[in-house]
Amino acid sequence: MATLTYVYSDSTAVLGPLATYAEPHCYDLCAPHAERLTAPRGWEVVRLAPDSEPSGPSHDDLLALADAVREAARPRPEPEEPPGGATREGSTVEVGRRGHLRVLRDPQR
């Protein structure tokens, strides 16, 4: 798989690794079509070699993951509950909690 991008100002077609997000004027191609790609007369085709080894997580990725785990493990203050043990949020009533999960009940039922 590869992503084809046209650079009209340079009359160039760039064929590179599969893009991670969609952009206008970029087209994803299967391997057989990427290999047989030709450009119009007067245009240049630039083929960017894909990374031979898939890159693992970077140091920054690992730090961000560690920070997210620390944040998730941080105790949160319990909200004050009105009498009866149920809290009201919008049109639903919270009737129970277990960890990060909540049991909600629609007050109209």
PDB file of N, CA and C in Angstrom:
ATOM      1  N   MET A   1       0.844  -1.175   0.000  1.00  0.00           N
ATOM      2  CA  MET A   1       0.000   0.000   0.000  1.00  0.00           C
ATOM      3  C   MET A   1       0.890   1.239   0.000  1.00  0.00           C
ATOM      4  N   ALA A   2       0.426   2.288  -0.646  1.00  0.00           N
ATOM      5  CA  ALA A   2       1.165   3.539  -0.729  1.00  0.00           C
ATOM      6  C   ALA A   2       0.174   4.681  -0.917  1.00  0.00           C
ATOM      7  N   THR A   3       0.634   5.882  -0.643  1.00  0.00           N
ATOM      8  CA  THR A   3      -0.184   7.072  -0.858  1.00  0.00           C
ATOM      9  C   THR A   3       0.440   7.898  -1.972  1.00  0.00           C
ATOM     10  N   LEU A   4      -0.386   8.276  -2.927  1.00  0.00           N
ATOM     11  CA  LEU A   4       0.033   9.085  -4.060  1.00  0.00           C
ATOM     12  C   LEU A   4      -0.411  10.523  -3.828  1.00  0.00           C
ATOM     13  N   THR A   5       0.530  11.447  -3.966  1.00  0.00           N
ATOM     14  CA  THR A   5       0.234  12.869  -3.806  1.00  0.00           C
ATOM     15  C   THR A   5       0.754  13.605  -5.034  1.00  0.00           C
ATOM     16  N   TYR A   6      -0.079  14.467  -5.603  1.00  0.00           N
ATOM     17  CA  TYR A   6       0.339  15.276  -6.742  1.00  0.00           C
ATOM     18  C   TYR A   6       0.789  16.645  -6.252  1.00  0.00           C
ATOM     19  N   VAL A   7       1.944  17.094  -6.753  1.00  0.00           N
ATOM     20  CA  VAL A   7       2.424  18.451  -6.490  1.00  0.00           C
ATOM     21  C   VAL A   7       2.376  19.166  -7.834  1.00  0.00           C
ATOM     22  N   TYR A   8       1.244  19.812  -8.084  1.00  0.00           N
ATOM     23  CA  TYR A   8       1.002  20.402  -9.397  1.00  0.00           C
ATOM     24  C   TYR A   8       2.004  21.489  -9.738  1.00  0.00           C
ATOM     25  N   SER A   9       2.415  22.275  -8.752  1.00  0.00           N
ATOM     26  CA  SER A   9       3.339  23.382  -9.020  1.00  0.00           C
ATOM     27  C   SER A   9       4.699  22.886  -9.498  1.00  0.00           C
ATOM     28  N   ASP A  10       5.093  21.664  -9.118  1.00  0.00           N
ATOM     29  CA  ASP A  10       6.382  21.102  -9.535  1.00  0.00           C
ATOM     30  C   ASP A  10       6.236  20.017 -10.595  1.00  0.00           C
ATOM     31  N   SER A  11       5.025  19.765 -11.050  1.00  0.00           N
ATOM     32  CA  SER A  11       4.755  18.678 -11.996  1.00  0.00           C
ATOM     33  C   SER A  11       5.370  17.373 -11.496  1.00  0.00           C
ATOM     34  N   THR A  12       5.035  17.040 -10.257  1.00  0.00           N
ATOM     35  CA  THR A  12       5.613  15.869  -9.605  1.00  0.00           C
ATOM     36  C   THR A  12       4.511  15.028  -8.970  1.00  0.00           C
ATOM     37  N   ALA A  13       4.646  13.723  -9.090  1.00  0.00           N
ATOM     38  CA  ALA A  13       3.786  12.778  -8.394  1.00  0.00           C
ATOM     39  C   ALA A  13       4.654  12.093  -7.347  1.00  0.00           C
ATOM     40  N   VAL A  14       4.267  12.179  -6.087  1.00  0.00           N
ATOM     41  CA  VAL A  14       5.048  11.595  -5.000  1.00  0.00           C
ATOM     42  C   VAL A  14       4.319  10.358  -4.500  1.00  0.00           C
ATOM     43  N   LEU A  15       5.027   9.251  -4.492  1.00  0.00           N
ATOM     44  CA  LEU A  15       4.483   7.985  -4.028  1.00  0.00           C
ATOM     45  C   LEU A  15       5.266   7.590  -2.785  1.00  0.00           C
ATOM     46  N   GLY A  16       4.568   7.533  -1.657  1.00  0.00           N
ATOM     47  CA  GLY A  16       5.257   7.252  -0.405  1.00  0.00           C
ATOM     48  C   GLY A  16       4.473   6.316   0.482  1.00  0.00           C
ATOM     49  N   PRO A  17       4.927   6.179   1.726  1.00  0.00           N
ATOM     50  CA  PRO A  17       4.236   5.298   2.668  1.00  0.00           C
ATOM     51  C   PRO A  17       2.793   5.734   2.861  1.00  0.00           C
ATOM     52  N   LEU A  18       1.976   4.797   3.278  1.00  0.00           N
ATOM     53  CA  LEU A  18       0.556   5.059   3.487  1.00  0.00           C
ATOM     54  C   LEU A  18       0.375   6.209   4.470  1.00  0.00           C
ATOM     55  N   ALA A  19      -0.431   7.183   4.098  1.00  0.00           N
ATOM     56  CA  ALA A  19      -0.663   8.355   4.933  1.00  0.00           C
ATOM     57  C   ALA A  19      -1.454   7.975   6.177  1.00  0.00           C
ATOM     58  N   THR A  20      -1.210   8.708   7.258  1.00  0.00           N
ATOM     59  CA  THR A  20      -1.914   8.428   8.510  1.00  0.00           C
ATOM     60  C   THR A  20      -3.199   9.226   8.635  1.00  0.00           C
ATOM     61  N   TYR A  21      -3.414  10.221   7.767  1.00  0.00           N
ATOM     62  CA  TYR A  21      -4.653  10.991   7.785  1.00  0.00           C
ATOM     63  C   TYR A  21      -4.994  11.412   6.362  1.00  0.00           C
ATOM     64  N   ALA A  22      -6.266  11.689   6.147  1.00  0.00           N
ATOM     65  CA  ALA A  22      -6.744  12.026   4.802  1.00  0.00           C
ATOM     66  C   ALA A  22      -6.444  13.485   4.477  1.00  0.00           C
ATOM     67  N   GLU A  23      -6.025  13.704   3.244  1.00  0.00           N
ATOM     68  CA  GLU A  23      -5.791  15.056   2.731  1.00  0.00           C
ATOM     69  C   GLU A  23      -6.363  15.133   1.328  1.00  0.00           C
ATOM     70  N   PRO A  24      -6.774  16.341   0.938  1.00  0.00           N
ATOM     71  CA  PRO A  24      -7.244  16.481  -0.447  1.00  0.00           C
ATOM     72  C   PRO A  24      -6.088  16.221  -1.419  1.00  0.00           C
ATOM     73  N   HIS A  25      -6.375  15.678  -2.537  1.00  0.00           N
ATOM     74  CA  HIS A  25      -5.406  15.398  -3.598  1.00  0.00           C
ATOM     75  C   HIS A  25      -4.412  14.303  -3.216  1.00  0.00           C
ATOM     76  N   CYS A  26      -4.740  13.456  -2.251  1.00  0.00           N
ATOM     77  CA  CYS A  26      -3.938  12.282  -1.906  1.00  0.00           C
ATOM     78  C   CYS A  26      -4.798  11.051  -2.166  1.00  0.00           C
ATOM     79  N   TYR A  27      -4.157  10.031  -2.697  1.00  0.00           N
ATOM     80  CA  TYR A  27      -4.889   8.826  -3.060  1.00  0.00           C
ATOM     81  C   TYR A  27      -4.129   7.607  -2.562  1.00  0.00           C
ATOM     82  N   ASP A  28      -4.802   6.712  -1.868  1.00  0.00           N
ATOM     83  CA  ASP A  28      -4.189   5.474  -1.407  1.00  0.00           C
ATOM     84  C   ASP A  28      -4.269   4.445  -2.523  1.00  0.00           C
ATOM     85  N   LEU A  29      -3.149   3.774  -2.770  1.00  0.00           N
ATOM     86  CA  LEU A  29      -3.071   2.784  -3.841  1.00  0.00           C
ATOM     87  C   LEU A  29      -2.676   1.430  -3.267  1.00  0.00           C
ATOM     88  N   CYS A  30      -3.180   0.365  -3.865  1.00  0.00           N
ATOM     89  CA  CYS A  30      -2.750  -0.980  -3.487  1.00  0.00           C
ATOM     90  C   CYS A  30      -1.338  -1.199  -4.053  1.00  0.00           C
ATOM     91  N   ALA A  31      -0.664  -2.229  -3.594  1.00  0.00           N
ATOM     92  CA  ALA A  31       0.723  -2.481  -3.984  1.00  0.00           C
ATOM     93  C   ALA A  31       0.894  -2.651  -5.502  1.00  0.00           C
ATOM     94  N   PRO A  32       0.047  -3.454  -6.179  1.00  0.00           N
ATOM     95  CA  PRO A  32       0.248  -3.600  -7.632  1.00  0.00           C
ATOM     96  C   PRO A  32       0.111  -2.277  -8.400  1.00  0.00           C
ATOM     97  N   HIS A  33      -0.847  -1.449  -8.027  1.00  0.00           N
ATOM     98  CA  HIS A  33      -1.008  -0.171  -8.724  1.00  0.00           C
ATOM     99  C   HIS A  33       0.119   0.797  -8.376  1.00  0.00           C
ATOM    100  N   ALA A  34       0.602   0.758  -7.155  1.00  0.00           N
ATOM    101  CA  ALA A  34       1.717   1.632  -6.766  1.00  0.00           C
ATOM    102  C   ALA A  34       2.976   1.275  -7.555  1.00  0.00           C
ATOM    103  N   GLU A  35       3.200  -0.016  -7.792  1.00  0.00           N
ATOM    104  CA  GLU A  35       4.387  -0.445  -8.545  1.00  0.00           C
ATOM    105  C   GLU A  35       4.316  -0.037 -10.010  1.00  0.00           C
ATOM    106  N   ARG A  36       3.110  -0.037 -10.602  1.00  0.00           N
ATOM    107  CA  ARG A  36       2.951   0.250 -12.030  1.00  0.00           C
ATOM    108  C   ARG A  36       2.662   1.713 -12.332  1.00  0.00           C
ATOM    109  N   LEU A  37       2.686   2.568 -11.313  1.00  0.00           N
ATOM    110  CA  LEU A  37       2.314   3.968 -11.502  1.00  0.00           C
ATOM    111  C   LEU A  37       3.224   4.672 -12.509  1.00  0.00           C
ATOM    112  N   THR A  38       2.603   5.387 -13.424  1.00  0.00           N
ATOM    113  CA  THR A  38       3.340   6.260 -14.340  1.00  0.00           C
ATOM    114  C   THR A  38       2.715   7.643 -14.256  1.00  0.00           C
ATOM    115  N   ALA A  39       3.464   8.648 -14.634  1.00  0.00           N
ATOM    116  CA  ALA A  39       2.977  10.029 -14.583  1.00  0.00           C
ATOM    117  C   ALA A  39       2.857  10.575 -15.999  1.00  0.00           C
ATOM    118  N   PRO A  40       2.106  11.645 -16.165  1.00  0.00           N
ATOM    119  CA  PRO A  40       1.980  12.248 -17.500  1.00  0.00           C
ATOM    120  C   PRO A  40       3.338  12.719 -18.033  1.00  0.00           C
ATOM    121  N   ARG A  41       3.420  12.856 -19.363  1.00  0.00           N
ATOM    122  CA  ARG A  41       4.652  13.329 -19.991  1.00  0.00           C
ATOM    123  C   ARG A  41       5.048  14.681 -19.400  1.00  0.00           C
ATOM    124  N   GLY A  42       6.331  14.794 -19.039  1.00  0.00           N
ATOM    125  CA  GLY A  42       6.841  16.034 -18.461  1.00  0.00           C
ATOM    126  C   GLY A  42       6.775  16.051 -16.938  1.00  0.00           C
ATOM    127  N   TRP A  43       6.144  15.071 -16.372  1.00  0.00           N
ATOM    128  CA  TRP A  43       6.048  14.978 -14.903  1.00  0.00           C
ATOM    129  C   TRP A  43       7.115  14.024 -14.390  1.00  0.00           C
ATOM    130  N   GLU A  44       7.490  14.222 -13.144  1.00  0.00           N
ATOM    131  CA  GLU A  44       8.461  13.353 -12.486  1.00  0.00           C
ATOM    132  C   GLU A  44       7.735  12.536 -11.414  1.00  0.00           C
ATOM    133  N   VAL A  45       8.130  11.272 -11.267  1.00  0.00           N
ATOM    134  CA  VAL A  45       7.588  10.430 -10.200  1.00  0.00           C
ATOM    135  C   VAL A  45       8.674  10.262  -9.150  1.00  0.00           C
ATOM    136  N   VAL A  46       8.371  10.666  -7.931  1.00  0.00           N
ATOM    137  CA  VAL A  46       9.303  10.492  -6.815  1.00  0.00           C
ATOM    138  C   VAL A  46       8.752   9.368  -5.952  1.00  0.00           C
ATOM    139  N   ARG A  47       9.551   8.325  -5.783  1.00  0.00           N
ATOM    140  CA  ARG A  47       9.137   7.177  -4.971  1.00  0.00           C
ATOM    141  C   ARG A  47       9.930   7.213  -3.662  1.00  0.00           C
ATOM    142  N   LEU A  48       9.221   7.443  -2.584  1.00  0.00           N
ATOM    143  CA  LEU A  48       9.848   7.451  -1.268  1.00  0.00           C
ATOM    144  C   LEU A  48       9.847   6.030  -0.730  1.00  0.00           C
ATOM    145  N   ALA A  49      11.019   5.550  -0.352  1.00  0.00           N
ATOM    146  CA  ALA A  49      11.122   4.181   0.149  1.00  0.00           C
ATOM    147  C   ALA A  49      10.465   4.093   1.521  1.00  0.00           C
ATOM    148  N   PRO A  50       9.617   3.093   1.705  1.00  0.00           N
ATOM    149  CA  PRO A  50       9.022   2.924   3.037  1.00  0.00           C
ATOM    150  C   PRO A  50      10.086   2.484   4.026  1.00  0.00           C
ATOM    151  N   ASP A  51       9.853   2.740   5.296  1.00  0.00           N
ATOM    152  CA  ASP A  51      10.787   2.312   6.328  1.00  0.00           C
ATOM    153  C   ASP A  51      10.907   0.798   6.280  1.00  0.00           C
ATOM    154  N   SER A  52      12.146   0.312   6.294  1.00  0.00           N
ATOM    155  CA  SER A  52      12.342  -1.129   6.227  1.00  0.00           C
ATOM    156  C   SER A  52      11.892  -1.805   7.514  1.00  0.00           C
ATOM    157  N   GLU A  53      12.043  -1.133   8.647  1.00  0.00           N
ATOM    158  CA  GLU A  53      11.595  -1.674   9.925  1.00  0.00           C
ATOM    159  C   GLU A  53      10.500  -0.783  10.478  1.00  0.00           C
ATOM    160  N   PRO A  54       9.422  -1.382  10.928  1.00  0.00           N
ATOM    161  CA  PRO A  54       8.399  -0.529  11.540  1.00  0.00           C
ATOM    162  C   PRO A  54       8.972   0.098  12.806  1.00  0.00           C
ATOM    163  N   SER A  55       8.765   1.393  12.911  1.00  0.00           N
ATOM    164  CA  SER A  55       9.313   2.080  14.078  1.00  0.00           C
ATOM    165  C   SER A  55       8.456   1.803  15.302  1.00  0.00           C
ATOM    166  N   GLY A  56       9.112   1.607  16.418  1.00  0.00           N
ATOM    167  CA  GLY A  56       8.417   1.371  17.675  1.00  0.00           C
ATOM    168  C   GLY A  56       8.070   2.700  18.312  1.00  0.00           C
ATOM    169  N   PRO A  57       7.534   2.637  19.501  1.00  0.00           N
ATOM    170  CA  PRO A  57       7.180   3.883  20.174  1.00  0.00           C
ATOM    171  C   PRO A  57       8.426   4.700  20.494  1.00  0.00           C
ATOM    172  N   SER A  58       8.320   6.002  20.353  1.00  0.00           N
ATOM    173  CA  SER A  58       9.437   6.890  20.664  1.00  0.00           C
ATOM    174  C   SER A  58       9.469   7.162  22.162  1.00  0.00           C
ATOM    175  N   HIS A  59      10.525   7.822  22.595  1.00  0.00           N
ATOM    176  CA  HIS A  59      10.655   8.186  24.006  1.00  0.00           C
ATOM    177  C   HIS A  59       9.480   9.074  24.419  1.00  0.00           C
ATOM    178  N   ASP A  60       9.091  10.010  23.553  1.00  0.00           N
ATOM    179  CA  ASP A  60       7.961  10.894  23.857  1.00  0.00           C
ATOM    180  C   ASP A  60       6.653  10.112  23.965  1.00  0.00           C
ATOM    181  N   ASP A  61       6.471   9.103  23.105  1.00  0.00           N
ATOM    182  CA  ASP A  61       5.263   8.272  23.178  1.00  0.00           C
ATOM    183  C   ASP A  61       5.182   7.554  24.520  1.00  0.00           C
ATOM    184  N   LEU A  62       6.313   7.008  24.968  1.00  0.00           N
ATOM    185  CA  LEU A  62       6.330   6.285  26.241  1.00  0.00           C
ATOM    186  C   LEU A  62       6.062   7.227  27.417  1.00  0.00           C
ATOM    187  N   LEU A  63       6.615   8.449  27.363  1.00  0.00           N
ATOM    188  CA  LEU A  63       6.351   9.421  28.433  1.00  0.00           C
ATOM    189  C   LEU A  63       4.875   9.822  28.456  1.00  0.00           C
ATOM    190  N   ALA A  64       4.294  10.020  27.295  1.00  0.00           N
ATOM    191  CA  ALA A  64       2.879  10.389  27.227  1.00  0.00           C
ATOM    192  C   ALA A  64       2.006   9.265  27.773  1.00  0.00           C
ATOM    193  N   LEU A  65       2.353   8.027  27.474  1.00  0.00           N
ATOM    194  CA  LEU A  65       1.602   6.893  27.988  1.00  0.00           C
ATOM    195  C   LEU A  65       1.723   6.804  29.511  1.00  0.00           C
ATOM    196  N   ALA A  66       2.932   6.997  30.030  1.00  0.00           N
ATOM    197  CA  ALA A  66       3.138   6.962  31.483  1.00  0.00           C
ATOM    198  C   ALA A  66       2.347   8.069  32.162  1.00  0.00           C
ATOM    199  N   ASP A  67       2.334   9.272  31.577  1.00  0.00           N
ATOM    200  CA  ASP A  67       1.562  10.377  32.149  1.00  0.00           C
ATOM    201  C   ASP A  67       0.066  10.065  32.153  1.00  0.00           C
ATOM    202  N   ALA A  68      -0.427   9.443  31.083  1.00  0.00           N
ATOM    203  CA  ALA A  68      -1.849   9.099  31.010  1.00  0.00           C
ATOM    204  C   ALA A  68      -2.206   8.058  32.067  1.00  0.00           C
ATOM    205  N   VAL A  69      -1.321   7.092  32.292  1.00  0.00           N
ATOM    206  CA  VAL A  69      -1.583   6.071  33.310  1.00  0.00           C
ATOM    207  C   VAL A  69      -1.591   6.706  34.691  1.00  0.00           C
ATOM    208  N   ARG A  70      -0.634   7.599  34.954  1.00  0.00           N
ATOM    209  CA  ARG A  70      -0.604   8.291  36.250  1.00  0.00           C
ATOM    210  C   ARG A  70      -1.877   9.101  36.471  1.00  0.00           C
ATOM    211  N   GLU A  71      -2.316   9.793  35.440  1.00  0.00           N
ATOM    212  CA  GLU A  71      -3.529  10.613  35.553  1.00  0.00           C
ATOM    213  C   GLU A  71      -4.750   9.746  35.834  1.00  0.00           C
ATOM    214  N   ALA A  72      -4.844   8.603  35.157  1.00  0.00           N
ATOM    215  CA  ALA A  72      -5.989   7.710  35.361  1.00  0.00           C
ATOM    216  C   ALA A  72      -5.976   7.097  36.756  1.00  0.00           C
ATOM    217  N   ALA A  73      -4.785   6.890  37.323  1.00  0.00           N
ATOM    218  CA  ALA A  73      -4.682   6.265  38.647  1.00  0.00           C
ATOM    219  C   ALA A  73      -4.848   7.267  39.790  1.00  0.00           C
ATOM    220  N   ARG A  74      -4.809   8.549  39.480  1.00  0.00           N
ATOM    221  CA  ARG A  74      -4.922   9.568  40.522  1.00  0.00           C
ATOM    222  C   ARG A  74      -6.319   9.540  41.118  1.00  0.00           C
ATOM    223  N   PRO A  75      -6.419   9.477  42.468  1.00  0.00           N
ATOM    224  CA  PRO A  75      -7.753   9.463  43.082  1.00  0.00           C
ATOM    225  C   PRO A  75      -8.494  10.769  42.814  1.00  0.00           C
ATOM    226  N   ARG A  76      -9.766  10.629  42.563  1.00  0.00           N
ATOM    227  CA  ARG A  76     -10.595  11.805  42.302  1.00  0.00           C
ATOM    228  C   ARG A  76     -11.517  12.022  43.492  1.00  0.00           C
ATOM    229  N   PRO A  77     -11.779  13.257  43.831  1.00  0.00           N
ATOM    230  CA  PRO A  77     -12.700  13.497  44.948  1.00  0.00           C
ATOM    231  C   PRO A  77     -14.092  13.013  44.585  1.00  0.00           C
ATOM    232  N   GLU A  78     -14.747  12.389  45.555  1.00  0.00           N
ATOM    233  CA  GLU A  78     -16.114  11.910  45.344  1.00  0.00           C
ATOM    234  C   GLU A  78     -17.071  13.097  45.338  1.00  0.00           C
ATOM    235  N   PRO A  79     -18.026  13.132  44.405  1.00  0.00           N
ATOM    236  CA  PRO A  79     -18.992  14.230  44.403  1.00  0.00           C
ATOM    237  C   PRO A  79     -19.918  14.113  45.615  1.00  0.00           C
ATOM    238  N   GLU A  80     -20.372  15.267  46.065  1.00  0.00           N
ATOM    239  CA  GLU A  80     -21.318  15.257  47.179  1.00  0.00           C
ATOM    240  C   GLU A  80     -22.636  14.682  46.694  1.00  0.00           C
ATOM    241  N   GLU A  81     -23.203  13.774  47.490  1.00  0.00           N
ATOM    242  CA  GLU A  81     -24.453  13.127  47.104  1.00  0.00           C
ATOM    243  C   GLU A  81     -25.594  13.665  47.957  1.00  0.00           C
ATOM    244  N   PRO A  82     -26.717  13.948  47.339  1.00  0.00           N
ATOM    245  CA  PRO A  82     -27.881  14.370  48.113  1.00  0.00           C
ATOM    246  C   PRO A  82     -28.442  13.194  48.897  1.00  0.00           C
ATOM    247  N   PRO A  83     -29.340  13.435  49.827  1.00  0.00           N
ATOM    248  CA  PRO A  83     -29.925  12.331  50.597  1.00  0.00           C
ATOM    249  C   PRO A  83     -30.520  11.273  49.683  1.00  0.00           C
ATOM    250  N   GLY A  84     -30.374  10.025  50.050  1.00  0.00           N
ATOM    251  CA  GLY A  84     -30.901   8.922  49.248  1.00  0.00           C
ATOM    252  C   GLY A  84     -29.835   8.268  48.392  1.00  0.00           C
ATOM    253  N   GLY A  85     -28.623   8.829  48.340  1.00  0.00           N
ATOM    254  CA  GLY A  85     -27.510   8.226  47.621  1.00  0.00           C
ATOM    255  C   GLY A  85     -27.564   8.375  46.121  1.00  0.00           C
ATOM    256  N   ALA A  86     -28.424   9.218  45.586  1.00  0.00           N
ATOM    257  CA  ALA A  86     -28.505   9.395  44.130  1.00  0.00           C
ATOM    258  C   ALA A  86     -28.113  10.815  43.786  1.00  0.00           C
ATOM    259  N   THR A  87     -27.340  10.990  42.720  1.00  0.00           N
ATOM    260  CA  THR A  87     -26.982  12.329  42.244  1.00  0.00           C
ATOM    261  C   THR A  87     -27.698  12.584  40.944  1.00  0.00           C
ATOM    262  N   ARG A  88     -27.995  13.843  40.671  1.00  0.00           N
ATOM    263  CA  ARG A  88     -28.727  14.221  39.473  1.00  0.00           C
ATOM    264  C   ARG A  88     -27.766  14.888  38.496  1.00  0.00           C
ATOM    265  N   GLU A  89     -27.729  14.405  37.245  1.00  0.00           N
ATOM    266  CA  GLU A  89     -26.935  15.010  36.179  1.00  0.00           C
ATOM    267  C   GLU A  89     -27.840  15.157  34.973  1.00  0.00           C
ATOM    268  N   GLY A  90     -28.238  16.370  34.675  1.00  0.00           N
ATOM    269  CA  GLY A  90     -29.115  16.601  33.531  1.00  0.00           C
ATOM    270  C   GLY A  90     -30.441  15.913  33.739  1.00  0.00           C
ATOM    271  N   SER A  91     -30.821  14.988  32.847  1.00  0.00           N
ATOM    272  CA  SER A  91     -32.102  14.307  32.964  1.00  0.00           C
ATOM    273  C   SER A  91     -31.937  12.887  33.484  1.00  0.00           C
ATOM    274  N   THR A  92     -30.723  12.479  33.903  1.00  0.00           N
ATOM    275  CA  THR A  92     -30.511  11.137  34.425  1.00  0.00           C
ATOM    276  C   THR A  92     -30.137  11.204  35.896  1.00  0.00           C
ATOM    277  N   VAL A  93     -30.337  10.096  36.597  1.00  0.00           N
ATOM    278  CA  VAL A  93     -30.019  10.007  38.013  1.00  0.00           C
ATOM    279  C   VAL A  93     -28.966   8.921  38.188  1.00  0.00           C
ATOM    280  N   GLU A  94     -27.861   9.266  38.848  1.00  0.00           N
ATOM    281  CA  GLU A  94     -26.820   8.286  39.127  1.00  0.00           C
ATOM    282  C   GLU A  94     -27.223   7.511  40.372  1.00  0.00           C
ATOM    283  N   VAL A  95     -27.334   6.190  40.236  1.00  0.00           N
ATOM    284  CA  VAL A  95     -27.778   5.370  41.366  1.00  0.00           C
ATOM    285  C   VAL A  95     -26.663   4.477  41.899  1.00  0.00           C
ATOM    286  N   GLY A  96     -25.539   4.402  41.230  1.00  0.00           N
ATOM    287  CA  GLY A  96     -24.433   3.585  41.711  1.00  0.00           C
ATOM    288  C   GLY A  96     -23.162   3.895  40.962  1.00  0.00           C
ATOM    289  N   ARG A  97     -22.043   3.447  41.528  1.00  0.00           N
ATOM    290  CA  ARG A  97     -20.747   3.705  40.925  1.00  0.00           C
ATOM    291  C   ARG A  97     -19.812   2.564  41.295  1.00  0.00           C
ATOM    292  N   ARG A  98     -19.004   2.124  40.323  1.00  0.00           N
ATOM    293  CA  ARG A  98     -17.972   1.127  40.590  1.00  0.00           C
ATOM    294  C   ARG A  98     -16.762   1.496  39.752  1.00  0.00           C
ATOM    295  N   GLY A  99     -15.723   2.035  40.416  1.00  0.00           N
ATOM    296  CA  GLY A  99     -14.551   2.519  39.690  1.00  0.00           C
ATOM    297  C   GLY A  99     -14.946   3.702  38.829  1.00  0.00           C
ATOM    298  N   HIS A 100     -14.635   3.632  37.544  1.00  0.00           N
ATOM    299  CA  HIS A 100     -14.983   4.717  36.625  1.00  0.00           C
ATOM    300  C   HIS A 100     -16.350   4.506  35.969  1.00  0.00           C
ATOM    301  N   LEU A 101     -17.023   3.394  36.284  1.00  0.00           N
ATOM    302  CA  LEU A 101     -18.335   3.112  35.689  1.00  0.00           C
ATOM    303  C   LEU A 101     -19.444   3.646  36.581  1.00  0.00           C
ATOM    304  N   ARG A 102     -20.511   4.127  35.971  1.00  0.00           N
ATOM    305  CA  ARG A 102     -21.662   4.639  36.712  1.00  0.00           C
ATOM    306  C   ARG A 102     -22.923   3.936  36.259  1.00  0.00           C
ATOM    307  N   VAL A 103     -23.842   3.737  37.177  1.00  0.00           N
ATOM    308  CA  VAL A 103     -25.161   3.209  36.850  1.00  0.00           C
ATOM    309  C   VAL A 103     -26.117   4.390  36.851  1.00  0.00           C
ATOM    310  N   LEU A 104     -26.766   4.632  35.725  1.00  0.00           N
ATOM    311  CA  LEU A 104     -27.669   5.767  35.574  1.00  0.00           C
ATOM    312  C   LEU A 104     -29.078   5.270  35.354  1.00  0.00           C
ATOM    313  N   ARG A 105     -30.044   6.023  35.866  1.00  0.00           N
ATOM    314  CA  ARG A 105     -31.444   5.688  35.666  1.00  0.00           C
ATOM    315  C   ARG A 105     -32.154   6.933  35.151  1.00  0.00           C
ATOM    316  N   ASP A 106     -33.031   6.749  34.215  1.00  0.00           N
ATOM    317  CA  ASP A 106     -33.830   7.839  33.685  1.00  0.00           C
ATOM    318  C   ASP A 106     -34.935   8.122  34.692  1.00  0.00           C
ATOM    319  N   PRO A 107     -35.043   9.365  35.224  1.00  0.00           N
ATOM    320  CA  PRO A 107     -36.028   9.660  36.270  1.00  0.00           C
ATOM    321  C   PRO A 107     -37.464   9.553  35.771  1.00  0.00           C
ATOM    322  N   GLN A 108     -37.721   9.577  34.470  1.00  0.00           N
ATOM    323  CA  GLN A 108     -39.088   9.491  33.973  1.00  0.00           C
ATOM    324  C   GLN A 108     -39.591   8.060  33.921  1.00  0.00           C
ATOM    325  N   ARG A 109     -38.777   7.094  34.224  1.00  0.00           N
ATOM    326  CA  ARG A 109     -39.217   5.692  34.159  1.00  0.00           C
ATOM    327  C   ARG A 109     -39.450   5.161  35.517  1.00  0.00           C
TER     328      ARG A 109
END
